[in-house]
Amino acid sequence: MENWFVVVMGLGTVFVVLILIIGLCCLLGMLCRERKDEPAQSAPAAQAEATIPNRAELVAALSAAVAEYSGTDASALRIVSIKKL
């Protein structure tokens, strides 16, 4: 085989595989967008906020955990909001 043939085949292979990877990324992006647009995800967030029986105890436990992890005093922390991830 000649050198130019090896170069052309190598470059051709690289570009074909890159095009396939781009197509796969686009396909996965469309699938993720479809799952994101489902309306069922907003309902659990509203229910989660309503089901916390004693919010003060939760804030105290979280502030104690954060203070222990960061090595500071719990009274020095100020928790502004709590969001479920």
PDB file of N, CA and C in Angstrom:
ATOM      1  N   MET A   1       0.835  -1.181   0.000  1.00  0.00           N
ATOM      2  CA  MET A   1       0.000   0.000   0.000  1.00  0.00           C
ATOM      3  C   MET A   1       0.881   1.245   0.000  1.00  0.00           C
ATOM      4  N   GLU A   2       0.364   2.241  -0.615  1.00  0.00           N
ATOM      5  CA  GLU A   2       1.118   3.495  -0.671  1.00  0.00           C
ATOM      6  C   GLU A   2       0.763   4.378   0.513  1.00  0.00           C
ATOM      7  N   ASN A   3       1.622   5.317   0.800  1.00  0.00           N
ATOM      8  CA  ASN A   3       1.435   6.196   1.955  1.00  0.00           C
ATOM      9  C   ASN A   3       0.170   7.041   1.838  1.00  0.00           C
ATOM     10  N   TRP A   4      -0.130   7.573   0.668  1.00  0.00           N
ATOM     11  CA  TRP A   4      -1.301   8.437   0.514  1.00  0.00           C
ATOM     12  C   TRP A   4      -2.590   7.656   0.765  1.00  0.00           C
ATOM     13  N   PHE A   5      -2.612   6.368   0.405  1.00  0.00           N
ATOM     14  CA  PHE A   5      -3.800   5.549   0.625  1.00  0.00           C
ATOM     15  C   PHE A   5      -4.048   5.351   2.123  1.00  0.00           C
ATOM     16  N   VAL A   6      -2.981   5.113   2.871  1.00  0.00           N
ATOM     17  CA  VAL A   6      -3.102   4.933   4.320  1.00  0.00           C
ATOM     18  C   VAL A   6      -3.594   6.220   4.979  1.00  0.00           C
ATOM     19  N   VAL A   7      -3.077   7.359   4.520  1.00  0.00           N
ATOM     20  CA  VAL A   7      -3.495   8.648   5.080  1.00  0.00           C
ATOM     21  C   VAL A   7      -4.964   8.912   4.787  1.00  0.00           C
ATOM     22  N   VAL A   8      -5.388   8.675   3.558  1.00  0.00           N
ATOM     23  CA  VAL A   8      -6.783   8.919   3.177  1.00  0.00           C
ATOM     24  C   VAL A   8      -7.713   7.985   3.946  1.00  0.00           C
ATOM     25  N   MET A   9      -7.347   6.731   4.089  1.00  0.00           N
ATOM     26  CA  MET A   9      -8.184   5.788   4.839  1.00  0.00           C
ATOM     27  C   MET A   9      -8.254   6.159   6.324  1.00  0.00           C
ATOM     28  N   GLY A  10      -7.145   6.598   6.898  1.00  0.00           N
ATOM     29  CA  GLY A  10      -7.144   7.016   8.304  1.00  0.00           C
ATOM     30  C   GLY A  10      -8.020   8.227   8.542  1.00  0.00           C
ATOM     31  N   LEU A  11      -7.861   9.244   7.679  1.00  0.00           N
ATOM     32  CA  LEU A  11      -8.681  10.449   7.819  1.00  0.00           C
ATOM     33  C   LEU A  11     -10.157  10.141   7.570  1.00  0.00           C
ATOM     34  N   GLY A  12     -10.422   9.314   6.578  1.00  0.00           N
ATOM     35  CA  GLY A  12     -11.808   8.936   6.296  1.00  0.00           C
ATOM     36  C   GLY A  12     -12.448   8.219   7.477  1.00  0.00           C
ATOM     37  N   THR A  13     -11.707   7.306   8.068  1.00  0.00           N
ATOM     38  CA  THR A  13     -12.226   6.575   9.228  1.00  0.00           C
ATOM     39  C   THR A  13     -12.506   7.518  10.393  1.00  0.00           C
ATOM     40  N   VAL A  14     -11.598   8.427  10.637  1.00  0.00           N
ATOM     41  CA  VAL A  14     -11.779   9.379  11.746  1.00  0.00           C
ATOM     42  C   VAL A  14     -13.021  10.220  11.532  1.00  0.00           C
ATOM     43  N   PHE A  15     -13.213  10.749  10.343  1.00  0.00           N
ATOM     44  CA  PHE A  15     -14.369  11.612  10.098  1.00  0.00           C
ATOM     45  C   PHE A  15     -15.676  10.837  10.109  1.00  0.00           C
ATOM     46  N   VAL A  16     -15.678   9.622   9.620  1.00  0.00           N
ATOM     47  CA  VAL A  16     -16.903   8.814   9.667  1.00  0.00           C
ATOM     48  C   VAL A  16     -17.278   8.523  11.115  1.00  0.00           C
ATOM     49  N   VAL A  17     -16.320   8.164  11.945  1.00  0.00           N
ATOM     50  CA  VAL A  17     -16.606   7.878  13.354  1.00  0.00           C
ATOM     51  C   VAL A  17     -17.047   9.144  14.083  1.00  0.00           C
ATOM     52  N   LEU A  18     -16.436  10.279  13.780  1.00  0.00           N
ATOM     53  CA  LEU A  18     -16.870  11.532  14.414  1.00  0.00           C
ATOM     54  C   LEU A  18     -18.298  11.884  14.036  1.00  0.00           C
ATOM     55  N   ILE A  19     -18.665  11.669  12.793  1.00  0.00           N
ATOM     56  CA  ILE A  19     -20.044  11.925  12.359  1.00  0.00           C
ATOM     57  C   ILE A  19     -21.009  10.996  13.079  1.00  0.00           C
ATOM     58  N   LEU A  20     -20.627   9.738  13.264  1.00  0.00           N
ATOM     59  CA  LEU A  20     -21.475   8.802  14.004  1.00  0.00           C
ATOM     60  C   LEU A  20     -21.627   9.219  15.464  1.00  0.00           C
ATOM     61  N   ILE A  21     -20.554   9.713  16.078  1.00  0.00           N
ATOM     62  CA  ILE A  21     -20.624  10.170  17.471  1.00  0.00           C
ATOM     63  C   ILE A  21     -21.539  11.386  17.581  1.00  0.00           C
ATOM     64  N   ILE A  22     -21.449  12.303  16.630  1.00  0.00           N
ATOM     65  CA  ILE A  22     -22.331  13.483  16.645  1.00  0.00           C
ATOM     66  C   ILE A  22     -23.782  13.053  16.513  1.00  0.00           C
ATOM     67  N   GLY A  23     -24.049  12.112  15.625  1.00  0.00           N
ATOM     68  CA  GLY A  23     -25.415  11.611  15.467  1.00  0.00           C
ATOM     69  C   GLY A  23     -25.925  10.949  16.738  1.00  0.00           C
ATOM     70  N   LEU A  24     -25.085  10.179  17.398  1.00  0.00           N
ATOM     71  CA  LEU A  24     -25.481   9.537  18.639  1.00  0.00           C
ATOM     72  C   LEU A  24     -25.766  10.567  19.733  1.00  0.00           C
ATOM     73  N   CYS A  25     -24.942  11.608  19.800  1.00  0.00           N
ATOM     74  CA  CYS A  25     -25.175  12.667  20.793  1.00  0.00           C
ATOM     75  C   CYS A  25     -26.487  13.397  20.526  1.00  0.00           C
ATOM     76  N   CYS A  26     -26.776  13.670  19.271  1.00  0.00           N
ATOM     77  CA  CYS A  26     -28.046  14.327  18.931  1.00  0.00           C
ATOM     78  C   CYS A  26     -29.232  13.449  19.289  1.00  0.00           C
ATOM     79  N   LEU A  27     -29.129  12.156  19.019  1.00  0.00           N
ATOM     80  CA  LEU A  27     -30.202  11.223  19.343  1.00  0.00           C
ATOM     81  C   LEU A  27     -30.428  11.148  20.845  1.00  0.00           C
ATOM     82  N   LEU A  28     -29.365  11.055  21.621  1.00  0.00           N
ATOM     83  CA  LEU A  28     -29.502  11.017  23.072  1.00  0.00           C
ATOM     84  C   LEU A  28     -30.045  12.342  23.618  1.00  0.00           C
ATOM     85  N   GLY A  29     -29.655  13.449  22.999  1.00  0.00           N
ATOM     86  CA  GLY A  29     -30.183  14.747  23.410  1.00  0.00           C
ATOM     87  C   GLY A  29     -31.678  14.839  23.195  1.00  0.00           C
ATOM     88  N   MET A  30     -32.163  14.327  22.064  1.00  0.00           N
ATOM     89  CA  MET A  30     -33.605  14.333  21.804  1.00  0.00           C
ATOM     90  C   MET A  30     -34.338  13.445  22.803  1.00  0.00           C
ATOM     91  N   LEU A  31     -33.771  12.300  23.142  1.00  0.00           N
ATOM     92  CA  LEU A  31     -34.408  11.414  24.112  1.00  0.00           C
ATOM     93  C   LEU A  31     -34.469  12.056  25.489  1.00  0.00           C
ATOM     94  N   CYS A  32     -33.410  12.736  25.878  1.00  0.00           N
ATOM     95  CA  CYS A  32     -33.399  13.401  27.188  1.00  0.00           C
ATOM     96  C   CYS A  32     -34.378  14.562  27.229  1.00  0.00           C
ATOM     97  N   ARG A  33     -34.498  15.298  26.146  1.00  0.00           N
ATOM     98  CA  ARG A  33     -35.457  16.401  26.096  1.00  0.00           C
ATOM     99  C   ARG A  33     -36.884  15.884  26.223  1.00  0.00           C
ATOM    100  N   GLU A  34     -37.184  14.754  25.594  1.00  0.00           N
ATOM    101  CA  GLU A  34     -38.531  14.197  25.674  1.00  0.00           C
ATOM    102  C   GLU A  34     -38.849  13.786  27.102  1.00  0.00           C
ATOM    103  N   ARG A  35     -37.900  13.206  27.802  1.00  0.00           N
ATOM    104  CA  ARG A  35     -38.135  12.801  29.182  1.00  0.00           C
ATOM    105  C   ARG A  35     -38.264  14.022  30.086  1.00  0.00           C
ATOM    106  N   LYS A  36     -37.555  15.100  29.779  1.00  0.00           N
ATOM    107  CA  LYS A  36     -37.594  16.307  30.602  1.00  0.00           C
ATOM    108  C   LYS A  36     -38.945  17.011  30.480  1.00  0.00           C
ATOM    109  N   ASP A  37     -39.574  16.924  29.324  1.00  0.00           N
ATOM    110  CA  ASP A  37     -40.821  17.629  29.081  1.00  0.00           C
ATOM    111  C   ASP A  37     -42.039  16.932  29.669  1.00  0.00           C
ATOM    112  N   GLU A  38     -41.880  15.766  30.278  1.00  0.00           N
ATOM    113  CA  GLU A  38     -43.013  15.069  30.853  1.00  0.00           C
ATOM    114  C   GLU A  38     -43.534  15.852  32.052  1.00  0.00           C
ATOM    115  N   PRO A  39     -44.853  16.036  32.176  1.00  0.00           N
ATOM    116  CA  PRO A  39     -45.408  16.847  33.266  1.00  0.00           C
ATOM    117  C   PRO A  39     -45.401  16.154  34.619  1.00  0.00           C
ATOM    118  N   ALA A  40     -45.078  14.895  34.683  1.00  0.00           N
ATOM    119  CA  ALA A  40     -45.147  14.155  35.952  1.00  0.00           C
ATOM    120  C   ALA A  40     -44.053  14.568  36.928  1.00  0.00           C
ATOM    121  N   GLN A  41     -43.024  15.257  36.495  1.00  0.00           N
ATOM    122  CA  GLN A  41     -41.923  15.598  37.388  1.00  0.00           C
ATOM    123  C   GLN A  41     -42.249  16.759  38.318  1.00  0.00           C
ATOM    124  N   SER A  42     -43.171  17.626  37.973  1.00  0.00           N
ATOM    125  CA  SER A  42     -43.457  18.781  38.815  1.00  0.00           C
ATOM    126  C   SER A  42     -44.335  18.425  40.009  1.00  0.00           C
ATOM    127  N   ALA A  43     -45.118  17.383  39.919  1.00  0.00           N
ATOM    128  CA  ALA A  43     -46.016  17.014  41.007  1.00  0.00           C
ATOM    129  C   ALA A  43     -45.274  16.539  42.256  1.00  0.00           C
ATOM    130  N   PRO A  44     -44.258  15.684  42.178  1.00  0.00           N
ATOM    131  CA  PRO A  44     -43.589  15.245  43.412  1.00  0.00           C
ATOM    132  C   PRO A  44     -42.917  16.370  44.165  1.00  0.00           C
ATOM    133  N   ALA A  45     -42.437  17.394  43.488  1.00  0.00           N
ATOM    134  CA  ALA A  45     -41.773  18.499  44.177  1.00  0.00           C
ATOM    135  C   ALA A  45     -42.754  19.235  45.070  1.00  0.00           C
ATOM    136  N   ALA A  46     -43.969  19.439  44.599  1.00  0.00           N
ATOM    137  CA  ALA A  46     -44.975  20.118  45.406  1.00  0.00           C
ATOM    138  C   ALA A  46     -45.397  19.252  46.581  1.00  0.00           C
ATOM    139  N   GLN A  47     -45.480  17.947  46.392  1.00  0.00           N
ATOM    140  CA  GLN A  47     -45.852  17.055  47.475  1.00  0.00           C
ATOM    141  C   GLN A  47     -44.748  16.949  48.516  1.00  0.00           C
ATOM    142  N   ALA A  48     -43.488  17.017  48.088  1.00  0.00           N
ATOM    143  CA  ALA A  48     -42.375  16.872  49.017  1.00  0.00           C
ATOM    144  C   ALA A  48     -42.339  18.021  50.016  1.00  0.00           C
ATOM    145  N   GLU A  49     -42.660  19.227  49.574  1.00  0.00           N
ATOM    146  CA  GLU A  49     -42.660  20.362  50.480  1.00  0.00           C
ATOM    147  C   GLU A  49     -43.801  20.260  51.490  1.00  0.00           C
ATOM    148  N   ALA A  50     -44.926  19.693  51.089  1.00  0.00           N
ATOM    149  CA  ALA A  50     -46.073  19.607  51.971  1.00  0.00           C
ATOM    150  C   ALA A  50     -45.945  18.469  52.976  1.00  0.00           C
ATOM    151  N   THR A  51     -45.060  17.492  52.737  1.00  0.00           N
ATOM    152  CA  THR A  51     -44.993  16.333  53.613  1.00  0.00           C
ATOM    153  C   THR A  51     -43.955  16.455  54.727  1.00  0.00           C
ATOM    154  N   ILE A  52     -43.282  17.583  54.867  1.00  0.00           N
ATOM    155  CA  ILE A  52     -42.300  17.748  55.945  1.00  0.00           C
ATOM    156  C   ILE A  52     -43.073  18.149  57.206  1.00  0.00           C
ATOM    157  N   PRO A  53     -43.154  17.231  58.200  1.00  0.00           N
ATOM    158  CA  PRO A  53     -43.985  17.527  59.367  1.00  0.00           C
ATOM    159  C   PRO A  53     -43.394  18.608  60.274  1.00  0.00           C
ATOM    160  N   ASN A  54     -42.086  18.587  60.491  1.00  0.00           N
ATOM    161  CA  ASN A  54     -41.480  19.561  61.390  1.00  0.00           C
ATOM    162  C   ASN A  54     -40.258  20.155  60.703  1.00  0.00           C
ATOM    163  N   ARG A  55     -40.465  21.257  60.040  1.00  0.00           N
ATOM    164  CA  ARG A  55     -39.412  21.877  59.253  1.00  0.00           C
ATOM    165  C   ARG A  55     -38.277  22.404  60.129  1.00  0.00           C
ATOM    166  N   ALA A  56     -38.577  22.847  61.323  1.00  0.00           N
ATOM    167  CA  ALA A  56     -37.537  23.386  62.216  1.00  0.00           C
ATOM    168  C   ALA A  56     -36.522  22.301  62.600  1.00  0.00           C
ATOM    169  N   GLU A  57     -37.016  21.086  62.851  1.00  0.00           N
ATOM    170  CA  GLU A  57     -36.101  19.995  63.169  1.00  0.00           C
ATOM    171  C   GLU A  57     -35.213  19.656  61.974  1.00  0.00           C
ATOM    172  N   LEU A  58     -35.782  19.701  60.776  1.00  0.00           N
ATOM    173  CA  LEU A  58     -34.999  19.430  59.569  1.00  0.00           C
ATOM    174  C   LEU A  58     -33.905  20.477  59.390  1.00  0.00           C
ATOM    175  N   VAL A  59     -34.239  21.740  59.587  1.00  0.00           N
ATOM    176  CA  VAL A  59     -33.245  22.815  59.453  1.00  0.00           C
ATOM    177  C   VAL A  59     -32.159  22.660  60.503  1.00  0.00           C
ATOM    178  N   ALA A  60     -32.530  22.286  61.718  1.00  0.00           N
ATOM    179  CA  ALA A  60     -31.538  22.099  62.776  1.00  0.00           C
ATOM    180  C   ALA A  60     -30.598  20.940  62.455  1.00  0.00           C
ATOM    181  N   ALA A  61     -31.158  19.843  61.952  1.00  0.00           N
ATOM    182  CA  ALA A  61     -30.329  18.683  61.614  1.00  0.00           C
ATOM    183  C   ALA A  61     -29.392  19.001  60.456  1.00  0.00           C
ATOM    184  N   LEU A  62     -29.899  19.686  59.448  1.00  0.00           N
ATOM    185  CA  LEU A  62     -29.056  20.045  58.305  1.00  0.00           C
ATOM    186  C   LEU A  62     -27.966  21.029  58.696  1.00  0.00           C
ATOM    187  N   SER A  63     -28.306  22.010  59.500  1.00  0.00           N
ATOM    188  CA  SER A  63     -27.278  22.976  59.912  1.00  0.00           C
ATOM    189  C   SER A  63     -26.217  22.319  60.777  1.00  0.00           C
ATOM    190  N   ALA A  64     -26.602  21.362  61.622  1.00  0.00           N
ATOM    191  CA  ALA A  64     -25.620  20.645  62.429  1.00  0.00           C
ATOM    192  C   ALA A  64     -24.702  19.803  61.547  1.00  0.00           C
ATOM    193  N   ALA A  65     -25.270  19.175  60.526  1.00  0.00           N
ATOM    194  CA  ALA A  65     -24.461  18.356  59.626  1.00  0.00           C
ATOM    195  C   ALA A  65     -23.487  19.214  58.823  1.00  0.00           C
ATOM    196  N   VAL A  66     -23.962  20.349  58.330  1.00  0.00           N
ATOM    197  CA  VAL A  66     -23.093  21.245  57.561  1.00  0.00           C
ATOM    198  C   VAL A  66     -22.012  21.833  58.449  1.00  0.00           C
ATOM    199  N   ALA A  67     -22.369  22.198  59.667  1.00  0.00           N
ATOM    200  CA  ALA A  67     -21.386  22.757  60.594  1.00  0.00           C
ATOM    201  C   ALA A  67     -20.321  21.722  60.945  1.00  0.00           C
ATOM    202  N   GLU A  68     -20.728  20.490  61.155  1.00  0.00           N
ATOM    203  CA  GLU A  68     -19.768  19.427  61.470  1.00  0.00           C
ATOM    204  C   GLU A  68     -18.827  19.176  60.303  1.00  0.00           C
ATOM    205  N   TYR A  69     -19.387  19.165  59.104  1.00  0.00           N
ATOM    206  CA  TYR A  69     -18.576  18.891  57.915  1.00  0.00           C
ATOM    207  C   TYR A  69     -17.592  20.020  57.632  1.00  0.00           C
ATOM    208  N   SER A  70     -18.055  21.268  57.802  1.00  0.00           N
ATOM    209  CA  SER A  70     -17.189  22.400  57.481  1.00  0.00           C
ATOM    210  C   SER A  70     -16.294  22.809  58.638  1.00  0.00           C
ATOM    211  N   GLY A  71     -16.558  22.304  59.840  1.00  0.00           N
ATOM    212  CA  GLY A  71     -15.721  22.621  60.985  1.00  0.00           C
ATOM    213  C   GLY A  71     -16.030  23.974  61.602  1.00  0.00           C
ATOM    214  N   THR A  72     -17.222  24.484  61.386  1.00  0.00           N
ATOM    215  CA  THR A  72     -17.620  25.766  61.972  1.00  0.00           C
ATOM    216  C   THR A  72     -18.700  25.536  63.016  1.00  0.00           C
ATOM    217  N   ASP A  73     -19.100  26.607  63.674  1.00  0.00           N
ATOM    218  CA  ASP A  73     -20.168  26.544  64.655  1.00  0.00           C
ATOM    219  C   ASP A  73     -21.512  26.635  63.943  1.00  0.00           C
ATOM    220  N   ALA A  74     -22.505  25.898  64.425  1.00  0.00           N
ATOM    221  CA  ALA A  74     -23.828  25.894  63.787  1.00  0.00           C
ATOM    222  C   ALA A  74     -24.497  27.261  63.880  1.00  0.00           C
ATOM    223  N   SER A  75     -24.201  28.045  64.906  1.00  0.00           N
ATOM    224  CA  SER A  75     -24.817  29.364  65.036  1.00  0.00           C
ATOM    225  C   SER A  75     -24.259  30.351  64.011  1.00  0.00           C
ATOM    226  N   ALA A  76     -23.110  30.035  63.425  1.00  0.00           N
ATOM    227  CA  ALA A  76     -22.528  30.919  62.414  1.00  0.00           C
ATOM    228  C   ALA A  76     -23.138  30.697  61.036  1.00  0.00           C
ATOM    229  N   LEU A  77     -23.930  29.647  60.883  1.00  0.00           N
ATOM    230  CA  LEU A  77     -24.543  29.350  59.583  1.00  0.00           C
ATOM    231  C   LEU A  77     -25.897  30.023  59.462  1.00  0.00           C
ATOM    232  N   ARG A  78     -26.242  30.354  58.234  1.00  0.00           N
ATOM    233  CA  ARG A  78     -27.556  30.915  57.951  1.00  0.00           C
ATOM    234  C   ARG A  78     -28.124  30.177  56.752  1.00  0.00           C
ATOM    235  N   ILE A  79     -29.111  29.338  56.965  1.00  0.00           N
ATOM    236  CA  ILE A  79     -29.729  28.569  55.886  1.00  0.00           C
ATOM    237  C   ILE A  79     -30.869  29.402  55.321  1.00  0.00           C
ATOM    238  N   VAL A  80     -30.768  29.732  54.047  1.00  0.00           N
ATOM    239  CA  VAL A  80     -31.742  30.591  53.407  1.00  0.00           C
ATOM    240  C   VAL A  80     -32.892  29.776  52.823  1.00  0.00           C
ATOM    241  N   SER A  81     -32.567  28.684  52.147  1.00  0.00           N
ATOM    242  CA  SER A  81     -33.622  27.855  51.571  1.00  0.00           C
ATOM    243  C   SER A  81     -33.145  26.416  51.487  1.00  0.00           C
ATOM    244  N   ILE A  82     -34.097  25.508  51.440  1.00  0.00           N
ATOM    245  CA  ILE A  82     -33.812  24.090  51.316  1.00  0.00           C
ATOM    246  C   ILE A  82     -34.590  23.572  50.110  1.00  0.00           C
ATOM    247  N   LYS A  83     -33.870  22.961  49.183  1.00  0.00           N
ATOM    248  CA  LYS A  83     -34.506  22.422  47.987  1.00  0.00           C
ATOM    249  C   LYS A  83     -34.153  20.946  47.857  1.00  0.00           C
ATOM    250  N   LYS A  84     -35.135  20.145  47.542  1.00  0.00           N
ATOM    251  CA  LYS A  84     -34.900  18.727  47.347  1.00  0.00           C
ATOM    252  C   LYS A  84     -34.300  18.519  45.970  1.00  0.00           C
ATOM    253  N   LEU A  85     -33.229  17.735  45.903  1.00  0.00           N
ATOM    254  CA  LEU A  85     -32.570  17.471  44.639  1.00  0.00           C
ATOM    255  C   LEU A  85     -33.041  16.188  44.042  1.00  0.00           C
TER     256      LEU A  85
END
